Amino acid sequence: MNGPGSAGNVISALASFIYPGLGQLVQGRLVAALVFFVLATLLWFVLLGWIIHIWATIDAAVYRG
């Protein structure tokens, strides 16, 4: 079962920690990956990207496929 704490979600969370949206891309969630990637990239310019960074990591970790 793919849920919070599964090996796939842990890997996805680590990938999203490296760059927001990468974990969602690993999970095959292209739209979510694009949203997190774009939001994080834009918000880092105003020093708020860390919010999206944390959100993407948590989202990848708790995703139920």
PDB file of N, CA and C in Angstrom:
ATOM      1  N   MET A   1       0.849  -1.187   0.000  1.00  0.00           N
ATOM      2  CA  MET A   1       0.000   0.000   0.000  1.00  0.00           C
ATOM      3  C   MET A   1       0.887   1.239   0.000  1.00  0.00           C
ATOM      4  N   ASN A   2       0.518   2.200  -0.786  1.00  0.00           N
ATOM      5  CA  ASN A   2       1.289   3.430  -0.893  1.00  0.00           C
ATOM      6  C   ASN A   2       0.613   4.515  -0.071  1.00  0.00           C
ATOM      7  N   GLY A   3       1.153   4.801   1.078  1.00  0.00           N
ATOM      8  CA  GLY A   3       0.585   5.817   1.950  1.00  0.00           C
ATOM      9  C   GLY A   3       1.688   6.493   2.730  1.00  0.00           C
ATOM     10  N   PRO A   4       1.327   7.349   3.656  1.00  0.00           N
ATOM     11  CA  PRO A   4       2.327   8.036   4.460  1.00  0.00           C
ATOM     12  C   PRO A   4       3.274   7.041   5.121  1.00  0.00           C
ATOM     13  N   GLY A   5       4.559   7.305   4.998  1.00  0.00           N
ATOM     14  CA  GLY A   5       5.562   6.448   5.616  1.00  0.00           C
ATOM     15  C   GLY A   5       6.053   5.324   4.732  1.00  0.00           C
ATOM     16  N   SER A   6       5.433   5.111   3.565  1.00  0.00           N
ATOM     17  CA  SER A   6       5.899   4.056   2.670  1.00  0.00           C
ATOM     18  C   SER A   6       7.239   4.470   2.057  1.00  0.00           C
ATOM     19  N   ALA A   7       7.980   3.496   1.586  1.00  0.00           N
ATOM     20  CA  ALA A   7       9.306   3.779   1.018  1.00  0.00           C
ATOM     21  C   ALA A   7       9.217   4.743  -0.155  1.00  0.00           C
ATOM     22  N   GLY A   8       8.206   4.574  -0.999  1.00  0.00           N
ATOM     23  CA  GLY A   8       8.044   5.464  -2.147  1.00  0.00           C
ATOM     24  C   GLY A   8       7.795   6.899  -1.733  1.00  0.00           C
ATOM     25  N   ASN A   9       6.990   7.084  -0.692  1.00  0.00           N
ATOM     26  CA  ASN A   9       6.703   8.442  -0.228  1.00  0.00           C
ATOM     27  C   ASN A   9       7.903   9.063   0.476  1.00  0.00           C
ATOM     28  N   VAL A  10       8.692   8.255   1.155  1.00  0.00           N
ATOM     29  CA  VAL A  10       9.898   8.782   1.801  1.00  0.00           C
ATOM     30  C   VAL A  10      10.868   9.273   0.734  1.00  0.00           C
ATOM     31  N   ILE A  11      11.043   8.491  -0.316  1.00  0.00           N
ATOM     32  CA  ILE A  11      11.923   8.895  -1.420  1.00  0.00           C
ATOM     33  C   ILE A  11      11.381  10.160  -2.087  1.00  0.00           C
ATOM     34  N   SER A  12      10.073  10.220  -2.289  1.00  0.00           N
ATOM     35  CA  SER A  12       9.459  11.397  -2.902  1.00  0.00           C
ATOM     36  C   SER A  12       9.620  12.631  -2.017  1.00  0.00           C
ATOM     37  N   ALA A  13       9.474  12.456  -0.712  1.00  0.00           N
ATOM     38  CA  ALA A  13       9.650  13.575   0.213  1.00  0.00           C
ATOM     39  C   ALA A  13      11.092  14.078   0.172  1.00  0.00           C
ATOM     40  N   LEU A  14      12.046  13.161   0.116  1.00  0.00           N
ATOM     41  CA  LEU A  14      13.449  13.571   0.013  1.00  0.00           C
ATOM     42  C   LEU A  14      13.706  14.304  -1.300  1.00  0.00           C
ATOM     43  N   ALA A  15      13.094  13.832  -2.378  1.00  0.00           N
ATOM     44  CA  ALA A  15      13.251  14.500  -3.674  1.00  0.00           C
ATOM     45  C   ALA A  15      12.654  15.905  -3.623  1.00  0.00           C
ATOM     46  N   SER A  16      11.497  16.061  -2.977  1.00  0.00           N
ATOM     47  CA  SER A  16      10.888  17.387  -2.851  1.00  0.00           C
ATOM     48  C   SER A  16      11.685  18.279  -1.919  1.00  0.00           C
ATOM     49  N   PHE A  17      12.391  17.687  -0.987  1.00  0.00           N
ATOM     50  CA  PHE A  17      13.258  18.475  -0.112  1.00  0.00           C
ATOM     51  C   PHE A  17      14.416  19.050  -0.911  1.00  0.00           C
ATOM     52  N   ILE A  18      14.896  18.289  -1.883  1.00  0.00           N
ATOM     53  CA  ILE A  18      15.979  18.765  -2.742  1.00  0.00           C
ATOM     54  C   ILE A  18      15.478  19.911  -3.614  1.00  0.00           C
ATOM     55  N   TYR A  19      14.338  19.718  -4.242  1.00  0.00           N
ATOM     56  CA  TYR A  19      13.696  20.801  -4.991  1.00  0.00           C
ATOM     57  C   TYR A  19      12.195  20.572  -5.012  1.00  0.00           C
ATOM     58  N   PRO A  20      11.400  21.574  -4.612  1.00  0.00           N
ATOM     59  CA  PRO A  20       9.944  21.427  -4.574  1.00  0.00           C
ATOM     60  C   PRO A  20       9.389  21.011  -5.937  1.00  0.00           C
ATOM     61  N   GLY A  21       8.530  20.004  -5.910  1.00  0.00           N
ATOM     62  CA  GLY A  21       7.915  19.505  -7.125  1.00  0.00           C
ATOM     63  C   GLY A  21       8.580  18.243  -7.647  1.00  0.00           C
ATOM     64  N   LEU A  22       9.820  18.025  -7.263  1.00  0.00           N
ATOM     65  CA  LEU A  22      10.545  16.851  -7.739  1.00  0.00           C
ATOM     66  C   LEU A  22       9.929  15.563  -7.186  1.00  0.00           C
ATOM     67  N   GLY A  23       9.499  15.565  -5.947  1.00  0.00           N
ATOM     68  CA  GLY A  23       8.866  14.394  -5.353  1.00  0.00           C
ATOM     69  C   GLY A  23       7.530  14.074  -6.009  1.00  0.00           C
ATOM     70  N   GLN A  24       6.766  15.119  -6.333  1.00  0.00           N
ATOM     71  CA  GLN A  24       5.493  14.908  -7.015  1.00  0.00           C
ATOM     72  C   GLN A  24       5.745  14.350  -8.413  1.00  0.00           C
ATOM     73  N   LEU A  25       6.813  14.786  -9.059  1.00  0.00           N
ATOM     74  CA  LEU A  25       7.168  14.267 -10.375  1.00  0.00           C
ATOM     75  C   LEU A  25       7.537  12.792 -10.291  1.00  0.00           C
ATOM     76  N   VAL A  26       8.255  12.411  -9.239  1.00  0.00           N
ATOM     77  CA  VAL A  26       8.607  11.009  -9.021  1.00  0.00           C
ATOM     78  C   VAL A  26       7.342  10.170  -8.840  1.00  0.00           C
ATOM     79  N   GLN A  27       6.328  10.742  -8.209  1.00  0.00           N
ATOM     80  CA  GLN A  27       5.067  10.038  -7.982  1.00  0.00           C
ATOM     81  C   GLN A  27       4.173  10.023  -9.218  1.00  0.00           C
ATOM     82  N   GLY A  28       4.575  10.712 -10.269  1.00  0.00           N
ATOM     83  CA  GLY A  28       3.790  10.751 -11.494  1.00  0.00           C
ATOM     84  C   GLY A  28       2.699  11.801 -11.486  1.00  0.00           C
ATOM     85  N   ARG A  29       2.786  12.764 -10.590  1.00  0.00           N
ATOM     86  CA  ARG A  29       1.775  13.822 -10.460  1.00  0.00           C
ATOM     87  C   ARG A  29       2.298  15.083 -11.140  1.00  0.00           C
ATOM     88  N   LEU A  30       2.165  15.136 -12.464  1.00  0.00           N
ATOM     89  CA  LEU A  30       2.769  16.189 -13.264  1.00  0.00           C
ATOM     90  C   LEU A  30       2.227  17.581 -12.933  1.00  0.00           C
ATOM     91  N   VAL A  31       0.913  17.715 -12.778  1.00  0.00           N
ATOM     92  CA  VAL A  31       0.327  19.032 -12.501  1.00  0.00           C
ATOM     93  C   VAL A  31       0.788  19.552 -11.142  1.00  0.00           C
ATOM     94  N   ALA A  32       0.740  18.708 -10.111  1.00  0.00           N
ATOM     95  CA  ALA A  32       1.198  19.125  -8.784  1.00  0.00           C
ATOM     96  C   ALA A  32       2.680  19.481  -8.818  1.00  0.00           C
ATOM     97  N   ALA A  33       3.473  18.706  -9.552  1.00  0.00           N
ATOM     98  CA  ALA A  33       4.908  18.980  -9.670  1.00  0.00           C
ATOM     99  C   ALA A  33       5.134  20.350 -10.295  1.00  0.00           C
ATOM    100  N   LEU A  34       4.411  20.647 -11.347  1.00  0.00           N
ATOM    101  CA  LEU A  34       4.553  21.927 -12.034  1.00  0.00           C
ATOM    102  C   LEU A  34       4.146  23.086 -11.135  1.00  0.00           C
ATOM    103  N   VAL A  35       3.046  22.921 -10.399  1.00  0.00           N
ATOM    104  CA  VAL A  35       2.573  23.979  -9.495  1.00  0.00           C
ATOM    105  C   VAL A  35       3.617  24.260  -8.418  1.00  0.00           C
ATOM    106  N   PHE A  36       4.115  23.213  -7.745  1.00  0.00           N
ATOM    107  CA  PHE A  36       5.103  23.425  -6.692  1.00  0.00           C
ATOM    108  C   PHE A  36       6.389  24.017  -7.248  1.00  0.00           C
ATOM    109  N   PHE A  37       6.825  23.539  -8.409  1.00  0.00           N
ATOM    110  CA  PHE A  37       8.053  24.039  -9.025  1.00  0.00           C
ATOM    111  C   PHE A  37       7.929  25.531  -9.348  1.00  0.00           C
ATOM    112  N   VAL A  38       6.835  25.906  -9.994  1.00  0.00           N
ATOM    113  CA  VAL A  38       6.640  27.305 -10.387  1.00  0.00           C
ATOM    114  C   VAL A  38       6.477  28.204  -9.162  1.00  0.00           C
ATOM    115  N   LEU A  39       5.629  27.788  -8.205  1.00  0.00           N
ATOM    116  CA  LEU A  39       5.425  28.611  -7.006  1.00  0.00           C
ATOM    117  C   LEU A  39       6.712  28.793  -6.216  1.00  0.00           C
ATOM    118  N   ALA A  40       7.449  27.715  -6.024  1.00  0.00           N
ATOM    119  CA  ALA A  40       8.695  27.811  -5.258  1.00  0.00           C
ATOM    120  C   ALA A  40       9.697  28.708  -5.967  1.00  0.00           C
ATOM    121  N   THR A  41       9.810  28.550  -7.276  1.00  0.00           N
ATOM    122  CA  THR A  41      10.762  29.360  -8.037  1.00  0.00           C
ATOM    123  C   THR A  41      10.407  30.835  -7.955  1.00  0.00           C
ATOM    124  N   LEU A  42       9.127  31.154  -8.142  1.00  0.00           N
ATOM    125  CA  LEU A  42       8.704  32.555  -8.076  1.00  0.00           C
ATOM    126  C   LEU A  42       8.855  33.135  -6.671  1.00  0.00           C
ATOM    127  N   LEU A  43       8.451  32.357  -5.656  1.00  0.00           N
ATOM    128  CA  LEU A  43       8.476  32.885  -4.293  1.00  0.00           C
ATOM    129  C   LEU A  43       9.877  32.982  -3.701  1.00  0.00           C
ATOM    130  N   TRP A  44      10.835  32.219  -4.225  1.00  0.00           N
ATOM    131  CA  TRP A  44      12.199  32.357  -3.710  1.00  0.00           C
ATOM    132  C   TRP A  44      12.748  33.744  -4.002  1.00  0.00           C
ATOM    133  N   PHE A  45      12.227  34.386  -5.034  1.00  0.00           N
ATOM    134  CA  PHE A  45      12.688  35.739  -5.355  1.00  0.00           C
ATOM    135  C   PHE A  45      12.256  36.752  -4.305  1.00  0.00           C
ATOM    136  N   VAL A  46      11.208  36.481  -3.556  1.00  0.00           N
ATOM    137  CA  VAL A  46      10.770  37.378  -2.484  1.00  0.00           C
ATOM    138  C   VAL A  46      10.990  36.723  -1.116  1.00  0.00           C
ATOM    139  N   LEU A  47      11.870  35.744  -1.074  1.00  0.00           N
ATOM    140  CA  LEU A  47      12.299  35.065   0.153  1.00  0.00           C
ATOM    141  C   LEU A  47      11.183  34.310   0.870  1.00  0.00           C
ATOM    142  N   LEU A  48      10.150  33.899   0.140  1.00  0.00           N
ATOM    143  CA  LEU A  48       9.080  33.109   0.740  1.00  0.00           C
ATOM    144  C   LEU A  48       9.021  31.700   0.169  1.00  0.00           C
ATOM    145  N   GLY A  49       9.993  31.351  -0.648  1.00  0.00           N
ATOM    146  CA  GLY A  49      10.006  30.035  -1.270  1.00  0.00           C
ATOM    147  C   GLY A  49      10.100  28.898  -0.272  1.00  0.00           C
ATOM    148  N   TRP A  50      10.648  29.160   0.899  1.00  0.00           N
ATOM    149  CA  TRP A  50      10.774  28.107   1.911  1.00  0.00           C
ATOM    150  C   TRP A  50       9.407  27.573   2.320  1.00  0.00           C
ATOM    151  N   ILE A  51       8.369  28.397   2.233  1.00  0.00           N
ATOM    152  CA  ILE A  51       7.016  27.945   2.574  1.00  0.00           C
ATOM    153  C   ILE A  51       6.569  26.854   1.602  1.00  0.00           C
ATOM    154  N   ILE A  52       6.734  27.096   0.312  1.00  0.00           N
ATOM    155  CA  ILE A  52       6.374  26.109  -0.705  1.00  0.00           C
ATOM    156  C   ILE A  52       7.290  24.900  -0.604  1.00  0.00           C
ATOM    157  N   HIS A  53       8.541  25.129  -0.271  1.00  0.00           N
ATOM    158  CA  HIS A  53       9.516  24.044  -0.130  1.00  0.00           C
ATOM    159  C   HIS A  53       9.045  23.045   0.934  1.00  0.00           C
ATOM    160  N   ILE A  54       8.650  23.544   2.077  1.00  0.00           N
ATOM    161  CA  ILE A  54       8.158  22.687   3.167  1.00  0.00           C
ATOM    162  C   ILE A  54       6.833  22.032   2.781  1.00  0.00           C
ATOM    163  N   TRP A  55       5.934  22.799   2.160  1.00  0.00           N
ATOM    164  CA  TRP A  55       4.638  22.273   1.753  1.00  0.00           C
ATOM    165  C   TRP A  55       4.799  21.135   0.747  1.00  0.00           C
ATOM    166  N   ALA A  56       5.692  21.298  -0.225  1.00  0.00           N
ATOM    167  CA  ALA A  56       5.917  20.248  -1.229  1.00  0.00           C
ATOM    168  C   ALA A  56       6.468  18.984  -0.592  1.00  0.00           C
ATOM    169  N   THR A  57       7.368  19.135   0.366  1.00  0.00           N
ATOM    170  CA  THR A  57       7.943  17.987   1.047  1.00  0.00           C
ATOM    171  C   THR A  57       6.882  17.215   1.826  1.00  0.00           C
ATOM    172  N   ILE A  58       6.054  17.932   2.551  1.00  0.00           N
ATOM    173  CA  ILE A  58       4.983  17.290   3.329  1.00  0.00           C
ATOM    174  C   ILE A  58       3.964  16.647   2.399  1.00  0.00           C
ATOM    175  N   ASP A  59       3.602  17.336   1.324  1.00  0.00           N
ATOM    176  CA  ASP A  59       2.643  16.801   0.359  1.00  0.00           C
ATOM    177  C   ASP A  59       3.121  15.480  -0.237  1.00  0.00           C
ATOM    178  N   ALA A  60       4.400  15.403  -0.586  1.00  0.00           N
ATOM    179  CA  ALA A  60       4.951  14.171  -1.155  1.00  0.00           C
ATOM    180  C   ALA A  60       4.975  13.058  -0.118  1.00  0.00           C
ATOM    181  N   ALA A  61       5.217  13.418   1.134  1.00  0.00           N
ATOM    182  CA  ALA A  61       5.324  12.411   2.188  1.00  0.00           C
ATOM    183  C   ALA A  61       3.977  11.777   2.551  1.00  0.00           C
ATOM    184  N   VAL A  62       2.905  12.541   2.472  1.00  0.00           N
ATOM    185  CA  VAL A  62       1.607  12.028   2.920  1.00  0.00           C
ATOM    186  C   VAL A  62       0.676  11.631   1.784  1.00  0.00           C
ATOM    187  N   TYR A  63       1.141  11.664   0.551  1.00  0.00           N
ATOM    188  CA  TYR A  63       0.312  11.350  -0.616  1.00  0.00           C
ATOM    189  C   TYR A  63      -0.142   9.885  -0.571  1.00  0.00           C
ATOM    190  N   ARG A  64      -1.416   9.676  -0.847  1.00  0.00           N
ATOM    191  CA  ARG A  64      -1.971   8.318  -0.944  1.00  0.00           C
ATOM    192  C   ARG A  64      -2.372   8.084  -2.388  1.00  0.00           C
ATOM    193  N   GLY A  65      -1.662   7.168  -3.024  1.00  0.00           N
ATOM    194  CA  GLY A  65      -1.887   6.915  -4.453  1.00  0.00           C
ATOM    195  C   GLY A  65      -3.034   5.997  -4.734  1.00  0.00           C
TER     196      GLY A  65
END
